[in-house]
mmCIF file of all heavy atoms, coordinates in Angstrom:
data_MODEL
# 
_entry.id   MODEL 
# 
loop_
_atom_site.group_PDB 
_atom_site.id 
_atom_site.type_symbol 
_atom_site.label_atom_id 
_atom_site.label_alt_id 
_atom_site.label_comp_id 
_atom_site.label_asym_id 
_atom_site.label_entity_id 
_atom_site.label_seq_id 
_atom_site.pdbx_PDB_ins_code 
_atom_site.Cartn_x 
_atom_site.Cartn_y 
_atom_site.Cartn_z 
_atom_site.occupancy 
_atom_site.B_iso_or_equiv 
_atom_site.pdbx_formal_charge 
_atom_site.auth_seq_id 
_atom_site.auth_comp_id 
_atom_site.auth_asym_id 
_atom_site.auth_atom_id 
_atom_site.pdbx_PDB_model_num 
ATOM 1   N N   . MET A 1 1  ? -2.482 -13.307 -8.868 1.00 0.00 ? 1  MET A N   1 
ATOM 2   C CA  . MET A 1 1  ? -3.692 -12.384 -8.643 1.00 0.00 ? 1  MET A CA  1 
ATOM 3   C C   . MET A 1 1  ? -3.511 -11.654 -7.286 1.00 0.00 ? 1  MET A C   1 
ATOM 4   O O   . MET A 1 1  ? -3.845 -10.477 -7.239 1.00 0.00 ? 1  MET A O   1 
ATOM 5   C CB  . MET A 1 1  ? -4.926 -13.239 -8.624 1.00 0.00 ? 1  MET A CB  1 
ATOM 6   C CG  . MET A 1 1  ? -5.197 -13.893 -9.936 1.00 0.00 ? 1  MET A CG  1 
ATOM 7   S SD  . MET A 1 1  ? -6.678 -14.992 -9.838 1.00 0.00 ? 1  MET A SD  1 
ATOM 8   C CE  . MET A 1 1  ? -7.975 -13.803 -9.703 1.00 0.00 ? 1  MET A CE  1 
ATOM 9   N N   . PHE A 1 2  ? -3.026 -12.278 -6.220 1.00 0.00 ? 2  PHE A N   1 
ATOM 10  C CA  . PHE A 1 2  ? -3.034 -11.718 -4.903 1.00 0.00 ? 2  PHE A CA  1 
ATOM 11  C C   . PHE A 1 2  ? -1.953 -10.652 -4.754 1.00 0.00 ? 2  PHE A C   1 
ATOM 12  O O   . PHE A 1 2  ? -2.220 -9.545  -4.317 1.00 0.00 ? 2  PHE A O   1 
ATOM 13  C CB  . PHE A 1 2  ? -2.870 -12.790 -3.862 1.00 0.00 ? 2  PHE A CB  1 
ATOM 14  C CG  . PHE A 1 2  ? -2.753 -12.166 -2.471 1.00 0.00 ? 2  PHE A CG  1 
ATOM 15  C CD1 . PHE A 1 2  ? -3.883 -11.767 -1.831 1.00 0.00 ? 2  PHE A CD1 1 
ATOM 16  C CD2 . PHE A 1 2  ? -1.524 -12.073 -1.853 1.00 0.00 ? 2  PHE A CD2 1 
ATOM 17  C CE1 . PHE A 1 2  ? -3.816 -11.220 -0.556 1.00 0.00 ? 2  PHE A CE1 1 
ATOM 18  C CE2 . PHE A 1 2  ? -1.460 -11.477 -0.611 1.00 0.00 ? 2  PHE A CE2 1 
ATOM 19  C CZ  . PHE A 1 2  ? -2.534 -11.052 0.042  1.00 0.00 ? 2  PHE A CZ  1 
ATOM 20  N N   . TRP A 1 3  ? -0.711 -10.976 -5.118 1.00 0.00 ? 3  TRP A N   1 
ATOM 21  C CA  . TRP A 1 3  ? 0.392  -10.133 -4.723 1.00 0.00 ? 3  TRP A CA  1 
ATOM 22  C C   . TRP A 1 3  ? 0.279  -8.635  -5.308 1.00 0.00 ? 3  TRP A C   1 
ATOM 23  O O   . TRP A 1 3  ? 0.309  -7.739  -4.560 1.00 0.00 ? 3  TRP A O   1 
ATOM 24  C CB  . TRP A 1 3  ? 1.749  -10.750 -5.110 1.00 0.00 ? 3  TRP A CB  1 
ATOM 25  C CG  . TRP A 1 3  ? 2.171  -11.804 -4.169 1.00 0.00 ? 3  TRP A CG  1 
ATOM 26  C CD1 . TRP A 1 3  ? 2.253  -11.705 -2.778 1.00 0.00 ? 3  TRP A CD1 1 
ATOM 27  C CD2 . TRP A 1 3  ? 2.438  -13.170 -4.484 1.00 0.00 ? 3  TRP A CD2 1 
ATOM 28  N NE1 . TRP A 1 3  ? 2.665  -12.910 -2.227 1.00 0.00 ? 3  TRP A NE1 1 
ATOM 29  C CE2 . TRP A 1 3  ? 2.809  -13.794 -3.224 1.00 0.00 ? 3  TRP A CE2 1 
ATOM 30  C CE3 . TRP A 1 3  ? 2.490  -13.905 -5.651 1.00 0.00 ? 3  TRP A CE3 1 
ATOM 31  C CZ2 . TRP A 1 3  ? 3.135  -15.171 -3.150 1.00 0.00 ? 3  TRP A CZ2 1 
ATOM 32  C CZ3 . TRP A 1 3  ? 2.829  -15.276 -5.624 1.00 0.00 ? 3  TRP A CZ3 1 
ATOM 33  C CH2 . TRP A 1 3  ? 3.177  -15.885 -4.394 1.00 0.00 ? 3  TRP A CH2 1 
ATOM 34  N N   . PRO A 1 4  ? 0.129  -8.483  -6.679 1.00 0.00 ? 4  PRO A N   1 
ATOM 35  C CA  . PRO A 1 4  ? 0.041  -7.113  -7.152 1.00 0.00 ? 4  PRO A CA  1 
ATOM 36  C C   . PRO A 1 4  ? -1.219 -6.416  -6.689 1.00 0.00 ? 4  PRO A C   1 
ATOM 37  O O   . PRO A 1 4  ? -1.221 -5.204  -6.404 1.00 0.00 ? 4  PRO A O   1 
ATOM 38  C CB  . PRO A 1 4  ? 0.106  -7.313  -8.643 1.00 0.00 ? 4  PRO A CB  1 
ATOM 39  C CG  . PRO A 1 4  ? -0.308 -8.717  -8.889 1.00 0.00 ? 4  PRO A CG  1 
ATOM 40  C CD  . PRO A 1 4  ? 0.074  -9.506  -7.707 1.00 0.00 ? 4  PRO A CD  1 
ATOM 41  N N   . SER A 1 5  ? -2.397 -7.090  -6.673 1.00 0.00 ? 5  SER A N   1 
ATOM 42  C CA  . SER A 1 5  ? -3.610 -6.420  -6.344 1.00 0.00 ? 5  SER A CA  1 
ATOM 43  C C   . SER A 1 5  ? -3.658 -6.068  -4.851 1.00 0.00 ? 5  SER A C   1 
ATOM 44  O O   . SER A 1 5  ? -4.255 -5.016  -4.559 1.00 0.00 ? 5  SER A O   1 
ATOM 45  C CB  . SER A 1 5  ? -4.838 -7.339  -6.748 1.00 0.00 ? 5  SER A CB  1 
ATOM 46  O OG  . SER A 1 5  ? -4.723 -8.592  -6.162 1.00 0.00 ? 5  SER A OG  1 
ATOM 47  N N   . ASN A 1 6  ? -3.161 -6.881  -4.028 1.00 0.00 ? 6  ASN A N   1 
ATOM 48  C CA  . ASN A 1 6  ? -3.139 -6.549  -2.582 1.00 0.00 ? 6  ASN A CA  1 
ATOM 49  C C   . ASN A 1 6  ? -2.227 -5.334  -2.321 1.00 0.00 ? 6  ASN A C   1 
ATOM 50  O O   . ASN A 1 6  ? -2.552 -4.450  -1.579 1.00 0.00 ? 6  ASN A O   1 
ATOM 51  C CB  . ASN A 1 6  ? -2.715 -7.718  -1.722 1.00 0.00 ? 6  ASN A CB  1 
ATOM 52  C CG  . ASN A 1 6  ? -2.785 -7.435  -0.274 1.00 0.00 ? 6  ASN A CG  1 
ATOM 53  O OD1 . ASN A 1 6  ? -3.838 -7.358  0.316  1.00 0.00 ? 6  ASN A OD1 1 
ATOM 54  N ND2 . ASN A 1 6  ? -1.669 -7.201  0.350  1.00 0.00 ? 6  ASN A ND2 1 
ATOM 55  N N   . THR A 1 7  ? -1.106 -5.290  -2.956 1.00 0.00 ? 7  THR A N   1 
ATOM 56  C CA  . THR A 1 7  ? -0.212 -4.200  -2.839 1.00 0.00 ? 7  THR A CA  1 
ATOM 57  C C   . THR A 1 7  ? -0.860 -2.930  -3.362 1.00 0.00 ? 7  THR A C   1 
ATOM 58  O O   . THR A 1 7  ? -0.758 -1.842  -2.775 1.00 0.00 ? 7  THR A O   1 
ATOM 59  C CB  . THR A 1 7  ? 1.114  -4.402  -3.661 1.00 0.00 ? 7  THR A CB  1 
ATOM 60  O OG1 . THR A 1 7  ? 1.751  -5.583  -3.145 1.00 0.00 ? 7  THR A OG1 1 
ATOM 61  C CG2 . THR A 1 7  ? 2.057  -3.232  -3.411 1.00 0.00 ? 7  THR A CG2 1 
ATOM 62  N N   . SER A 1 8  ? -1.570 -3.019  -4.462 1.00 0.00 ? 8  SER A N   1 
ATOM 63  C CA  . SER A 1 8  ? -2.301 -1.839  -5.034 1.00 0.00 ? 8  SER A CA  1 
ATOM 64  C C   . SER A 1 8  ? -3.355 -1.393  -4.090 1.00 0.00 ? 8  SER A C   1 
ATOM 65  O O   . SER A 1 8  ? -3.565 -0.196  -3.932 1.00 0.00 ? 8  SER A O   1 
ATOM 66  C CB  . SER A 1 8  ? -2.867 -2.250  -6.391 1.00 0.00 ? 8  SER A CB  1 
ATOM 67  O OG  . SER A 1 8  ? -3.590 -1.183  -6.946 1.00 0.00 ? 8  SER A OG  1 
ATOM 68  N N   . SER A 1 9  ? -4.069 -2.359  -3.470 1.00 0.00 ? 9  SER A N   1 
ATOM 69  C CA  . SER A 1 9  ? -5.062 -2.007  -2.459 1.00 0.00 ? 9  SER A CA  1 
ATOM 70  C C   . SER A 1 9  ? -4.549 -1.245  -1.278 1.00 0.00 ? 9  SER A C   1 
ATOM 71  O O   . SER A 1 9  ? -5.113 -0.263  -0.851 1.00 0.00 ? 9  SER A O   1 
ATOM 72  C CB  . SER A 1 9  ? -5.822 -3.281  -2.031 1.00 0.00 ? 9  SER A CB  1 
ATOM 73  O OG  . SER A 1 9  ? -6.755 -2.978  -1.027 1.00 0.00 ? 9  SER A OG  1 
ATOM 74  N N   . VAL A 1 10 ? -3.372 -1.695  -0.813 1.00 0.00 ? 10 VAL A N   1 
ATOM 75  C CA  . VAL A 1 10 ? -2.702 -1.071  0.377  1.00 0.00 ? 10 VAL A CA  1 
ATOM 76  C C   . VAL A 1 10 ? -2.336 0.351   0.037  1.00 0.00 ? 10 VAL A C   1 
ATOM 77  O O   . VAL A 1 10 ? -2.668 1.315   0.753  1.00 0.00 ? 10 VAL A O   1 
ATOM 78  C CB  . VAL A 1 10 ? -1.437 -1.861  0.804  1.00 0.00 ? 10 VAL A CB  1 
ATOM 79  C CG1 . VAL A 1 10 ? -0.648 -0.999  1.778  1.00 0.00 ? 10 VAL A CG1 1 
ATOM 80  C CG2 . VAL A 1 10 ? -1.859 -3.191  1.447  1.00 0.00 ? 10 VAL A CG2 1 
ATOM 81  N N   . MET A 1 11 ? -1.669 0.578   -1.119 1.00 0.00 ? 11 MET A N   1 
ATOM 82  C CA  . MET A 1 11 ? -1.205 1.927   -1.482 1.00 0.00 ? 11 MET A CA  1 
ATOM 83  C C   . MET A 1 11 ? -2.293 2.792   -1.951 1.00 0.00 ? 11 MET A C   1 
ATOM 84  O O   . MET A 1 11 ? -2.275 3.987   -1.644 1.00 0.00 ? 11 MET A O   1 
ATOM 85  C CB  . MET A 1 11 ? -0.128 1.769   -2.609 1.00 0.00 ? 11 MET A CB  1 
ATOM 86  C CG  . MET A 1 11 ? 1.144  0.981   -2.175 1.00 0.00 ? 11 MET A CG  1 
ATOM 87  S SD  . MET A 1 11 ? 1.892  1.406   -0.574 1.00 0.00 ? 11 MET A SD  1 
ATOM 88  C CE  . MET A 1 11 ? 2.391  3.095   -0.944 1.00 0.00 ? 11 MET A CE  1 
ATOM 89  N N   . SER A 1 12 ? -3.387 2.267   -2.545 1.00 0.00 ? 12 SER A N   1 
ATOM 90  C CA  . SER A 1 12 ? -4.470 3.083   -2.970 1.00 0.00 ? 12 SER A CA  1 
ATOM 91  C C   . SER A 1 12 ? -5.337 3.627   -1.790 1.00 0.00 ? 12 SER A C   1 
ATOM 92  O O   . SER A 1 12 ? -5.831 4.723   -1.834 1.00 0.00 ? 12 SER A O   1 
ATOM 93  C CB  . SER A 1 12 ? -5.387 2.279   -3.896 1.00 0.00 ? 12 SER A CB  1 
ATOM 94  O OG  . SER A 1 12 ? -4.729 1.921   -5.066 1.00 0.00 ? 12 SER A OG  1 
ATOM 95  N N   . ASN A 1 13 ? -5.320 2.839   -0.695 1.00 0.00 ? 13 ASN A N   1 
ATOM 96  C CA  . ASN A 1 13 ? -6.028 3.315   0.484  1.00 0.00 ? 13 ASN A CA  1 
ATOM 97  C C   . ASN A 1 13 ? -5.231 3.989   1.461  1.00 0.00 ? 13 ASN A C   1 
ATOM 98  O O   . ASN A 1 13 ? -5.680 4.394   2.588  1.00 0.00 ? 13 ASN A O   1 
ATOM 99  C CB  . ASN A 1 13 ? -6.697 2.003   1.130  1.00 0.00 ? 13 ASN A CB  1 
ATOM 100 C CG  . ASN A 1 13 ? -7.836 1.452   0.380  1.00 0.00 ? 13 ASN A CG  1 
ATOM 101 O OD1 . ASN A 1 13 ? -8.870 2.149   0.192  1.00 0.00 ? 13 ASN A OD1 1 
ATOM 102 N ND2 . ASN A 1 13 ? -7.700 0.231   -0.182 1.00 0.00 ? 13 ASN A ND2 1 
ATOM 103 N N   . SER A 1 14 ? -3.924 4.270   1.191  1.00 0.00 ? 14 SER A N   1 
ATOM 104 C CA  . SER A 1 14 ? -3.039 4.944   2.084  1.00 0.00 ? 14 SER A CA  1 
ATOM 105 C C   . SER A 1 14 ? -2.910 6.435   1.662  1.00 0.00 ? 14 SER A C   1 
ATOM 106 O O   . SER A 1 14 ? -2.754 6.749   0.492  1.00 0.00 ? 14 SER A O   1 
ATOM 107 C CB  . SER A 1 14 ? -1.636 4.330   1.991  1.00 0.00 ? 14 SER A CB  1 
ATOM 108 O OG  . SER A 1 14 ? -0.713 5.045   2.780  1.00 0.00 ? 14 SER A OG  1 
ATOM 109 N N   . PRO A 1 15 ? -3.005 7.341   2.634  1.00 0.00 ? 15 PRO A N   1 
ATOM 110 C CA  . PRO A 1 15 ? -2.789 8.773   2.339  1.00 0.00 ? 15 PRO A CA  1 
ATOM 111 C C   . PRO A 1 15 ? -1.354 8.973   1.838  1.00 0.00 ? 15 PRO A C   1 
ATOM 112 O O   . PRO A 1 15 ? -0.467 8.253   2.312  1.00 0.00 ? 15 PRO A O   1 
ATOM 113 C CB  . PRO A 1 15 ? -2.948 9.426   3.725  1.00 0.00 ? 15 PRO A CB  1 
ATOM 114 C CG  . PRO A 1 15 ? -3.720 8.411   4.538  1.00 0.00 ? 15 PRO A CG  1 
ATOM 115 C CD  . PRO A 1 15 ? -3.288 7.111   4.093  1.00 0.00 ? 15 PRO A CD  1 
ATOM 116 N N   . ARG A 1 16 ? -1.179 9.949   0.977  1.00 0.00 ? 16 ARG A N   1 
ATOM 117 C CA  . ARG A 1 16 ? 0.204  10.209  0.397  1.00 0.00 ? 16 ARG A CA  1 
ATOM 118 C C   . ARG A 1 16 ? 1.281  10.426  1.426  1.00 0.00 ? 16 ARG A C   1 
ATOM 119 O O   . ARG A 1 16 ? 2.356  9.916   1.256  1.00 0.00 ? 16 ARG A O   1 
ATOM 120 C CB  . ARG A 1 16 ? 0.136  11.379  -0.549 1.00 0.00 ? 16 ARG A CB  1 
ATOM 121 C CG  . ARG A 1 16 ? 1.495  11.768  -1.214 1.00 0.00 ? 16 ARG A CG  1 
ATOM 122 C CD  . ARG A 1 16 ? 1.326  12.831  -2.242 1.00 0.00 ? 16 ARG A CD  1 
ATOM 123 N NE  . ARG A 1 16 ? 0.706  12.257  -3.496 1.00 0.00 ? 16 ARG A NE  1 
ATOM 124 C CZ  . ARG A 1 16 ? 1.396  11.631  -4.434 1.00 0.00 ? 16 ARG A CZ  1 
ATOM 125 N NH1 . ARG A 1 16 ? 2.713  11.427  -4.319 1.00 0.00 ? 16 ARG A NH1 1 
ATOM 126 N NH2 . ARG A 1 16 ? 0.798  11.227  -5.489 1.00 0.00 ? 16 ARG A NH2 1 
ATOM 127 N N   . GLU A 1 17 ? 0.856  11.124  2.559  1.00 0.00 ? 17 GLU A N   1 
ATOM 128 C CA  . GLU A 1 17 ? 1.896  11.331  3.545  1.00 0.00 ? 17 GLU A CA  1 
ATOM 129 C C   . GLU A 1 17 ? 2.323  10.102  4.293  1.00 0.00 ? 17 GLU A C   1 
ATOM 130 O O   . GLU A 1 17 ? 3.343  10.106  5.064  1.00 0.00 ? 17 GLU A O   1 
ATOM 131 C CB  . GLU A 1 17 ? 1.421  12.382  4.544  1.00 0.00 ? 17 GLU A CB  1 
ATOM 132 C CG  . GLU A 1 17 ? 0.244  11.935  5.402  1.00 0.00 ? 17 GLU A CG  1 
ATOM 133 C CD  . GLU A 1 17 ? -1.087 12.260  4.757  1.00 0.00 ? 17 GLU A CD  1 
ATOM 134 O OE1 . GLU A 1 17 ? -1.143 12.543  3.515  1.00 0.00 ? 17 GLU A OE1 1 
ATOM 135 O OE2 . GLU A 1 17 ? -2.146 12.231  5.444  1.00 0.00 ? 17 GLU A OE2 1 
ATOM 136 N N   . LEU A 1 18 ? 1.541  9.024   4.109  1.00 0.00 ? 18 LEU A N   1 
ATOM 137 C CA  . LEU A 1 18 ? 1.899  7.729   4.768  1.00 0.00 ? 18 LEU A CA  1 
ATOM 138 C C   . LEU A 1 18 ? 2.346  6.657   3.770  1.00 0.00 ? 18 LEU A C   1 
ATOM 139 O O   . LEU A 1 18 ? 2.464  5.532   4.143  1.00 0.00 ? 18 LEU A O   1 
ATOM 140 C CB  . LEU A 1 18 ? 0.633  7.170   5.574  1.00 0.00 ? 18 LEU A CB  1 
ATOM 141 C CG  . LEU A 1 18 ? 0.234  7.986   6.750  1.00 0.00 ? 18 LEU A CG  1 
ATOM 142 C CD1 . LEU A 1 18 ? -1.062 7.351   7.375  1.00 0.00 ? 18 LEU A CD1 1 
ATOM 143 C CD2 . LEU A 1 18 ? 1.293  8.142   7.773  1.00 0.00 ? 18 LEU A CD2 1 
ATOM 144 N N   . TYR A 1 19 ? 2.652  7.086   2.584  1.00 0.00 ? 19 TYR A N   1 
ATOM 145 C CA  . TYR A 1 19 ? 3.160  6.140   1.597  1.00 0.00 ? 19 TYR A CA  1 
ATOM 146 C C   . TYR A 1 19 ? 4.315  5.304   2.031  1.00 0.00 ? 19 TYR A C   1 
ATOM 147 O O   . TYR A 1 19 ? 4.423  4.023   1.996  1.00 0.00 ? 19 TYR A O   1 
ATOM 148 C CB  . TYR A 1 19 ? 3.627  6.900   0.276  1.00 0.00 ? 19 TYR A CB  1 
ATOM 149 C CG  . TYR A 1 19 ? 2.461  7.079   -0.688 1.00 0.00 ? 19 TYR A CG  1 
ATOM 150 C CD1 . TYR A 1 19 ? 2.678  7.918   -1.852 1.00 0.00 ? 19 TYR A CD1 1 
ATOM 151 C CD2 . TYR A 1 19 ? 1.165  6.654   -0.454 1.00 0.00 ? 19 TYR A CD2 1 
ATOM 152 C CE1 . TYR A 1 19 ? 1.693  8.200   -2.742 1.00 0.00 ? 19 TYR A CE1 1 
ATOM 153 C CE2 . TYR A 1 19 ? 0.218  6.828   -1.407 1.00 0.00 ? 19 TYR A CE2 1 
ATOM 154 C CZ  . TYR A 1 19 ? 0.458  7.619   -2.553 1.00 0.00 ? 19 TYR A CZ  1 
ATOM 155 O OH  . TYR A 1 19 ? -0.587 7.915   -3.404 1.00 0.00 ? 19 TYR A OH  1 
ATOM 156 N N   . GLY A 1 20 ? 5.363  6.038   2.629  1.00 0.00 ? 20 GLY A N   1 
ATOM 157 C CA  . GLY A 1 20 ? 6.567  5.305   3.114  1.00 0.00 ? 20 GLY A CA  1 
ATOM 158 C C   . GLY A 1 20 ? 6.196  4.388   4.288  1.00 0.00 ? 20 GLY A C   1 
ATOM 159 O O   . GLY A 1 20 ? 6.605  3.224   4.320  1.00 0.00 ? 20 GLY A O   1 
ATOM 160 N N   . SER A 1 21 ? 5.416  4.930   5.216  1.00 0.00 ? 21 SER A N   1 
ATOM 161 C CA  . SER A 1 21 ? 5.045  4.131   6.395  1.00 0.00 ? 21 SER A CA  1 
ATOM 162 C C   . SER A 1 21 ? 4.229  2.893   6.005  1.00 0.00 ? 21 SER A C   1 
ATOM 163 O O   . SER A 1 21 ? 4.426  1.811   6.541  1.00 0.00 ? 21 SER A O   1 
ATOM 164 C CB  . SER A 1 21 ? 4.282  4.981   7.427  1.00 0.00 ? 21 SER A CB  1 
ATOM 165 O OG  . SER A 1 21 ? 5.102  6.064   7.885  1.00 0.00 ? 21 SER A OG  1 
ATOM 166 N N   . SER A 1 22 ? 3.219  3.124   5.097  1.00 0.00 ? 22 SER A N   1 
ATOM 167 C CA  . SER A 1 22 ? 2.414  1.966   4.711  1.00 0.00 ? 22 SER A CA  1 
ATOM 168 C C   . SER A 1 22 ? 3.177  0.947   3.865  1.00 0.00 ? 22 SER A C   1 
ATOM 169 O O   . SER A 1 22 ? 2.992  -0.284  4.072  1.00 0.00 ? 22 SER A O   1 
ATOM 170 C CB  . SER A 1 22 ? 1.214  2.524   3.865  1.00 0.00 ? 22 SER A CB  1 
ATOM 171 O OG  . SER A 1 22 ? 0.457  3.352   4.571  1.00 0.00 ? 22 SER A OG  1 
ATOM 172 N N   . SER A 1 23 ? 4.121  1.435   3.019  1.00 0.00 ? 23 SER A N   1 
ATOM 173 C CA  . SER A 1 23 ? 4.921  0.516   2.349  1.00 0.00 ? 23 SER A CA  1 
ATOM 174 C C   . SER A 1 23 ? 5.784  -0.336  3.220  1.00 0.00 ? 23 SER A C   1 
ATOM 175 O O   . SER A 1 23 ? 5.915  -1.525  3.082  1.00 0.00 ? 23 SER A O   1 
ATOM 176 C CB  . SER A 1 23 ? 5.827  1.319   1.388  1.00 0.00 ? 23 SER A CB  1 
ATOM 177 O OG  . SER A 1 23 ? 6.820  0.487   0.661  1.00 0.00 ? 23 SER A OG  1 
ATOM 178 N N   . GLY A 1 24 ? 6.350  0.373   4.182  1.00 0.00 ? 24 GLY A N   1 
ATOM 179 C CA  . GLY A 1 24 ? 7.186  -0.336  5.197  1.00 0.00 ? 24 GLY A CA  1 
ATOM 180 C C   . GLY A 1 24 ? 6.411  -1.297  6.058  1.00 0.00 ? 24 GLY A C   1 
ATOM 181 O O   . GLY A 1 24 ? 6.842  -2.391  6.368  1.00 0.00 ? 24 GLY A O   1 
ATOM 182 N N   . LEU A 1 25 ? 5.211  -0.832  6.478  1.00 0.00 ? 25 LEU A N   1 
ATOM 183 C CA  . LEU A 1 25 ? 4.341  -1.672  7.327  1.00 0.00 ? 25 LEU A CA  1 
ATOM 184 C C   . LEU A 1 25 ? 3.868  -2.978  6.569  1.00 0.00 ? 25 LEU A C   1 
ATOM 185 O O   . LEU A 1 25 ? 3.861  -4.067  7.133  1.00 0.00 ? 25 LEU A O   1 
ATOM 186 C CB  . LEU A 1 25 ? 3.053  -0.873  7.729  1.00 0.00 ? 25 LEU A CB  1 
ATOM 187 C CG  . LEU A 1 25 ? 2.111  -1.573  8.679  1.00 0.00 ? 25 LEU A CG  1 
ATOM 188 C CD1 . LEU A 1 25 ? 2.831  -2.052  9.983  1.00 0.00 ? 25 LEU A CD1 1 
ATOM 189 C CD2 . LEU A 1 25 ? 1.013  -0.636  9.026  1.00 0.00 ? 25 LEU A CD2 1 
ATOM 190 N N   . LEU A 1 26 ? 3.587  -2.809  5.228  1.00 0.00 ? 26 LEU A N   1 
ATOM 191 C CA  . LEU A 1 26 ? 3.215  -3.926  4.448  1.00 0.00 ? 26 LEU A CA  1 
ATOM 192 C C   . LEU A 1 26 ? 4.373  -4.982  4.404  1.00 0.00 ? 26 LEU A C   1 
ATOM 193 O O   . LEU A 1 26 ? 4.135  -6.158  4.633  1.00 0.00 ? 26 LEU A O   1 
ATOM 194 C CB  . LEU A 1 26 ? 2.915  -3.573  3.006  1.00 0.00 ? 26 LEU A CB  1 
ATOM 195 C CG  . LEU A 1 26 ? 2.656  -4.666  2.023  1.00 0.00 ? 26 LEU A CG  1 
ATOM 196 C CD1 . LEU A 1 26 ? 1.391  -5.483  2.454  1.00 0.00 ? 26 LEU A CD1 1 
ATOM 197 C CD2 . LEU A 1 26 ? 2.392  -4.088  0.621  1.00 0.00 ? 26 LEU A CD2 1 
# 
């Protein structure tokens, strides 16, 4: 339950121009 939904929460709340940075930061 946690892993996919938390990843989805991170990317959904991240601006498109920060997709790479947010993915890397996670």
